[in-house]
Amino acid sequence: MISNVIWRTAIRGGFILSVLMTAYACNKPETQTSNDLRFVRCDPNGKYLPVASPGTVPPEDEVIFVCAGNPVEWFTDADFKFTIDFDPSATDLFESGKTHFDSAPDPTGKHKHGIKGQKVSNHAKKFQDHAYSIHPQGTPVPASDTTSDPHVIPM
């Protein structure tokens, strides 16, 4: 008689446990990883990209997604000037319409040199990939050292 009570309690407990586990699995938040653009978001504060010698950006910043009005800035803490060159047809990417940018000494003193506040245009073609090159000034860079392949993609 006691064994029947134990079995009934165990079966009910197992049933309740399985219902709770199923409910948890159904309400589990979706993982924030994907092989597409589903989870890409623009940072309203913009993008600040460190430039290292010999004219590279970190791998996690080689492809950035930006929205209209976002500022994009490049900076270096090393003692060299650099230029940024986009394809001449990318005149719609930034509000200034420029495709060539020269670094200048940082007036705030936070960094050695930088290219400040290039705002993404409202007229930039969404999802169009804009590759660019970084050229350190005064230092010739062999092609084998330019392992960086940076891109800006407006959303």
C-alpha atoms as a PDB file:
ATOM      1  CA  MET A   1       0.000   0.000   0.000  1.00  0.00           C
ATOM      2  CA  ILE A   2       2.769   2.437   0.912  1.00  0.00           C
ATOM      3  CA  SER A   3       4.655   1.550  -2.257  1.00  0.00           C
ATOM      4  CA  ASN A   4       1.587   2.502  -4.350  1.00  0.00           C
ATOM      5  CA  VAL A   5       1.478   5.922  -2.643  1.00  0.00           C
ATOM      6  CA  ILE A   6       5.181   6.443  -3.321  1.00  0.00           C
ATOM      7  CA  TRP A   7       4.767   5.493  -6.992  1.00  0.00           C
ATOM      8  CA  ARG A   8       1.762   7.818  -7.454  1.00  0.00           C
ATOM      9  CA  THR A   9       3.656  10.706  -5.823  1.00  0.00           C
ATOM     10  CA  ALA A  10       6.736  10.041  -7.955  1.00  0.00           C
ATOM     11  CA  ILE A  11       4.666   9.907 -11.152  1.00  0.00           C
ATOM     12  CA  ARG A  12       2.830  13.156 -10.302  1.00  0.00           C
ATOM     13  CA  GLY A  13       6.110  14.846  -9.337  1.00  0.00           C
ATOM     14  CA  GLY A  14       7.752  13.710 -12.577  1.00  0.00           C
ATOM     15  CA  PHE A  15       4.777  14.973 -14.589  1.00  0.00           C
ATOM     16  CA  ILE A  16       4.884  18.374 -12.878  1.00  0.00           C
ATOM     17  CA  LEU A  17       8.655  18.574 -13.379  1.00  0.00           C
ATOM     18  CA  SER A  18       8.338  17.752 -17.104  1.00  0.00           C
ATOM     19  CA  VAL A  19       5.642  20.447 -17.551  1.00  0.00           C
ATOM     20  CA  LEU A  20       7.849  23.021 -15.822  1.00  0.00           C
ATOM     21  CA  MET A  21      10.880  22.083 -17.942  1.00  0.00           C
ATOM     22  CA  THR A  22       8.819  22.318 -21.147  1.00  0.00           C
ATOM     23  CA  ALA A  23       7.435  25.722 -20.152  1.00  0.00           C
ATOM     24  CA  TYR A  24      10.959  26.993 -19.448  1.00  0.00           C
ATOM     25  CA  ALA A  25      12.259  25.720 -22.795  1.00  0.00           C
ATOM     26  CA  CYS A  26       9.416  27.416 -24.680  1.00  0.00           C
ATOM     27  CA  ASN A  27      10.052  30.767 -22.984  1.00  0.00           C
ATOM     28  CA  LYS A  28      13.821  30.651 -23.264  1.00  0.00           C
ATOM     29  CA  PRO A  29      15.099  33.820 -25.013  1.00  0.00           C
ATOM     30  CA  GLU A  30      16.484  33.390 -28.519  1.00  0.00           C
ATOM     31  CA  THR A  31      20.269  33.260 -28.717  1.00  0.00           C
ATOM     32  CA  GLN A  32      21.769  36.500 -30.065  1.00  0.00           C
ATOM     33  CA  THR A  33      23.865  34.886 -32.786  1.00  0.00           C
ATOM     34  CA  SER A  34      23.103  34.560 -36.440  1.00  0.00           C
ATOM     35  CA  ASN A  35      24.703  34.205 -39.848  1.00  0.00           C
ATOM     36  CA  ASP A  36      22.715  37.110 -41.235  1.00  0.00           C
ATOM     37  CA  LEU A  37      21.880  40.717 -40.336  1.00  0.00           C
ATOM     38  CA  ARG A  38      19.048  39.875 -37.930  1.00  0.00           C
ATOM     39  CA  PHE A  39      20.890  41.017 -34.786  1.00  0.00           C
ATOM     40  CA  VAL A  40      23.031  43.837 -36.184  1.00  0.00           C
ATOM     41  CA  ARG A  41      22.283  47.117 -34.425  1.00  0.00           C
ATOM     42  CA  CYS A  42      23.606  50.641 -34.857  1.00  0.00           C
ATOM     43  CA  ASP A  43      25.259  52.276 -31.896  1.00  0.00           C
ATOM     44  CA  PRO A  44      23.708  55.756 -31.554  1.00  0.00           C
ATOM     45  CA  ASN A  45      27.032  56.996 -30.140  1.00  0.00           C
ATOM     46  CA  GLY A  46      28.771  56.156 -33.422  1.00  0.00           C
ATOM     47  CA  LYS A  47      31.923  54.186 -34.120  1.00  0.00           C
ATOM     48  CA  TYR A  48      35.426  55.021 -32.882  1.00  0.00           C
ATOM     49  CA  LEU A  49      38.057  53.009 -34.698  1.00  0.00           C
ATOM     50  CA  PRO A  50      41.635  52.625 -33.474  1.00  0.00           C
ATOM     51  CA  VAL A  51      44.262  52.655 -36.223  1.00  0.00           C
ATOM     52  CA  ALA A  52      47.416  50.667 -35.563  1.00  0.00           C
ATOM     53  CA  SER A  53      50.683  50.772 -37.416  1.00  0.00           C
ATOM     54  CA  PRO A  54      51.083  49.889 -40.306  1.00  0.00           C
ATOM     55  CA  GLY A  55      47.595  51.223 -41.043  1.00  0.00           C
ATOM     56  CA  THR A  56      45.260  48.511 -39.788  1.00  0.00           C
ATOM     57  CA  VAL A  57      42.154  48.344 -37.612  1.00  0.00           C
ATOM     58  CA  PRO A  58      41.431  45.494 -35.173  1.00  0.00           C
ATOM     59  CA  PRO A  59      39.747  42.458 -36.780  1.00  0.00           C
ATOM     60  CA  GLU A  60      36.484  43.105 -34.897  1.00  0.00           C
ATOM     61  CA  ASP A  61      36.328  46.585 -36.485  1.00  0.00           C
ATOM     62  CA  GLU A  62      37.136  45.588 -40.062  1.00  0.00           C
ATOM     63  CA  VAL A  63      33.432  45.561 -40.968  1.00  0.00           C
ATOM     64  CA  ILE A  64      31.227  48.084 -39.198  1.00  0.00           C
ATOM     65  CA  PHE A  65      27.526  48.814 -39.575  1.00  0.00           C
ATOM     66  CA  VAL A  66      26.405  52.424 -39.194  1.00  0.00           C
ATOM     67  CA  CYS A  67      23.123  54.340 -39.339  1.00  0.00           C
ATOM     68  CA  ALA A  68      22.315  57.775 -40.711  1.00  0.00           C
ATOM     69  CA  GLY A  69      23.654  60.472 -38.398  1.00  0.00           C
ATOM     70  CA  ASN A  70      26.180  58.186 -36.679  1.00  0.00           C
ATOM     71  CA  PRO A  71      29.633  59.740 -36.327  1.00  0.00           C
ATOM     72  CA  VAL A  72      32.561  57.632 -37.478  1.00  0.00           C
ATOM     73  CA  GLU A  73      36.007  58.524 -36.139  1.00  0.00           C
ATOM     74  CA  TRP A  74      39.453  57.016 -36.571  1.00  0.00           C
ATOM     75  CA  PHE A  75      42.282  57.616 -34.113  1.00  0.00           C
ATOM     76  CA  THR A  76      45.765  56.435 -33.236  1.00  0.00           C
ATOM     77  CA  ASP A  77      47.795  56.591 -30.065  1.00  0.00           C
ATOM     78  CA  ALA A  78      50.994  55.914 -32.009  1.00  0.00           C
ATOM     79  CA  ASP A  79      53.047  58.787 -33.361  1.00  0.00           C
ATOM     80  CA  PHE A  80      52.099  58.730 -37.041  1.00  0.00           C
ATOM     81  CA  LYS A  81      49.656  60.543 -39.290  1.00  0.00           C
ATOM     82  CA  PHE A  82      47.400  58.611 -41.634  1.00  0.00           C
ATOM     83  CA  THR A  83      44.830  59.084 -44.373  1.00  0.00           C
ATOM     84  CA  ILE A  84      41.598  57.225 -45.069  1.00  0.00           C
ATOM     85  CA  ASP A  85      40.527  56.714 -48.682  1.00  0.00           C
ATOM     86  CA  PHE A  86      37.164  55.404 -49.827  1.00  0.00           C
ATOM     87  CA  ASP A  87      36.300  54.680 -53.437  1.00  0.00           C
ATOM     88  CA  PRO A  88      35.646  58.043 -55.185  1.00  0.00           C
ATOM     89  CA  SER A  89      32.068  56.904 -55.935  1.00  0.00           C
ATOM     90  CA  ALA A  90      31.226  56.757 -52.181  1.00  0.00           C
ATOM     91  CA  THR A  91      30.284  60.457 -52.050  1.00  0.00           C
ATOM     92  CA  ASP A  92      26.861  59.591 -50.571  1.00  0.00           C
ATOM     93  CA  LEU A  93      28.293  57.779 -47.502  1.00  0.00           C
ATOM     94  CA  PHE A  94      29.136  60.828 -45.348  1.00  0.00           C
ATOM     95  CA  GLU A  95      27.334  64.175 -45.033  1.00  0.00           C
ATOM     96  CA  SER A  96      30.495  65.986 -46.114  1.00  0.00           C
ATOM     97  CA  GLY A  97      30.499  64.119 -49.447  1.00  0.00           C
ATOM     98  CA  LYS A  98      34.237  63.469 -49.001  1.00  0.00           C
ATOM     99  CA  THR A  99      35.990  60.214 -49.770  1.00  0.00           C
ATOM    100  CA  HIS A 100      39.502  61.235 -48.635  1.00  0.00           C
ATOM    101  CA  PHE A 101      40.317  62.170 -45.029  1.00  0.00           C
ATOM    102  CA  ASP A 102      43.598  63.333 -43.464  1.00  0.00           C
ATOM    103  CA  SER A 103      44.317  62.810 -39.784  1.00  0.00           C
ATOM    104  CA  ALA A 104      45.224  65.763 -37.599  1.00  0.00           C
ATOM    105  CA  PRO A 105      46.621  66.112 -34.078  1.00  0.00           C
ATOM    106  CA  ASP A 106      43.874  65.466 -31.533  1.00  0.00           C
ATOM    107  CA  PRO A 107      43.078  68.785 -29.803  1.00  0.00           C
ATOM    108  CA  THR A 108      41.635  66.968 -26.766  1.00  0.00           C
ATOM    109  CA  GLY A 109      44.939  65.219 -26.093  1.00  0.00           C
ATOM    110  CA  LYS A 110      43.248  61.829 -25.695  1.00  0.00           C
ATOM    111  CA  HIS A 111      44.967  60.491 -28.809  1.00  0.00           C
ATOM    112  CA  LYS A 112      47.980  61.451 -30.940  1.00  0.00           C
ATOM    113  CA  HIS A 113      46.124  61.828 -34.263  1.00  0.00           C
ATOM    114  CA  GLY A 114      42.587  61.336 -35.471  1.00  0.00           C
ATOM    115  CA  ILE A 115      39.894  61.957 -38.043  1.00  0.00           C
ATOM    116  CA  LYS A 116      36.923  63.404 -36.210  1.00  0.00           C
ATOM    117  CA  GLY A 117      33.169  63.159 -36.596  1.00  0.00           C
ATOM    118  CA  GLN A 118      32.395  62.067 -40.132  1.00  0.00           C
ATOM    119  CA  LYS A 119      28.597  61.747 -39.941  1.00  0.00           C
ATOM    120  CA  VAL A 120      26.851  59.086 -42.009  1.00  0.00           C
ATOM    121  CA  SER A 121      24.535  60.655 -44.582  1.00  0.00           C
ATOM    122  CA  ASN A 122      20.764  60.158 -44.707  1.00  0.00           C
ATOM    123  CA  HIS A 123      21.217  59.438 -48.427  1.00  0.00           C
ATOM    124  CA  ALA A 124      23.691  56.553 -48.089  1.00  0.00           C
ATOM    125  CA  LYS A 125      22.543  53.421 -49.900  1.00  0.00           C
ATOM    126  CA  LYS A 126      21.577  50.870 -47.268  1.00  0.00           C
ATOM    127  CA  PHE A 127      23.668  47.699 -47.066  1.00  0.00           C
ATOM    128  CA  GLN A 128      26.108  48.894 -49.729  1.00  0.00           C
ATOM    129  CA  ASP A 129      29.592  47.804 -48.765  1.00  0.00           C
ATOM    130  CA  HIS A 130      32.151  50.638 -48.768  1.00  0.00           C
ATOM    131  CA  ALA A 131      35.710  49.345 -48.568  1.00  0.00           C
ATOM    132  CA  TYR A 132      38.409  51.806 -47.569  1.00  0.00           C
ATOM    133  CA  SER A 133      42.174  51.957 -47.242  1.00  0.00           C
ATOM    134  CA  ILE A 134      44.313  53.330 -44.441  1.00  0.00           C
ATOM    135  CA  HIS A 135      47.618  54.888 -45.460  1.00  0.00           C
ATOM    136  CA  PRO A 136      50.175  55.776 -42.781  1.00  0.00           C
ATOM    137  CA  GLN A 137      52.059  58.906 -43.838  1.00  0.00           C
ATOM    138  CA  GLY A 138      55.815  58.925 -43.939  1.00  0.00           C
ATOM    139  CA  THR A 139      56.089  55.142 -43.707  1.00  0.00           C
ATOM    140  CA  PRO A 140      55.892  53.013 -46.836  1.00  0.00           C
ATOM    141  CA  VAL A 141      53.819  49.920 -46.101  1.00  0.00           C
ATOM    142  CA  PRO A 142      54.693  46.722 -47.975  1.00  0.00           C
ATOM    143  CA  ALA A 143      51.643  44.986 -49.440  1.00  0.00           C
ATOM    144  CA  SER A 144      52.341  41.943 -47.257  1.00  0.00           C
ATOM    145  CA  ASP A 145      51.826  44.071 -44.106  1.00  0.00           C
ATOM    146  CA  THR A 146      48.399  45.371 -45.071  1.00  0.00           C
ATOM    147  CA  THR A 147      46.373  42.504 -43.663  1.00  0.00           C
ATOM    148  CA  SER A 148      43.463  44.786 -42.761  1.00  0.00           C
ATOM    149  CA  ASP A 149      40.506  44.954 -45.154  1.00  0.00           C
ATOM    150  CA  PRO A 150      38.131  47.465 -43.515  1.00  0.00           C
ATOM    151  CA  HIS A 151      34.553  48.213 -44.651  1.00  0.00           C
ATOM    152  CA  VAL A 152      31.705  50.535 -43.660  1.00  0.00           C
ATOM    153  CA  ILE A 153      28.140  49.365 -44.339  1.00  0.00           C
ATOM    154  CA  PRO A 154      25.223  51.793 -43.810  1.00  0.00           C
ATOM    155  CA  MET A 155      21.947  50.351 -42.511  1.00  0.00           C
END
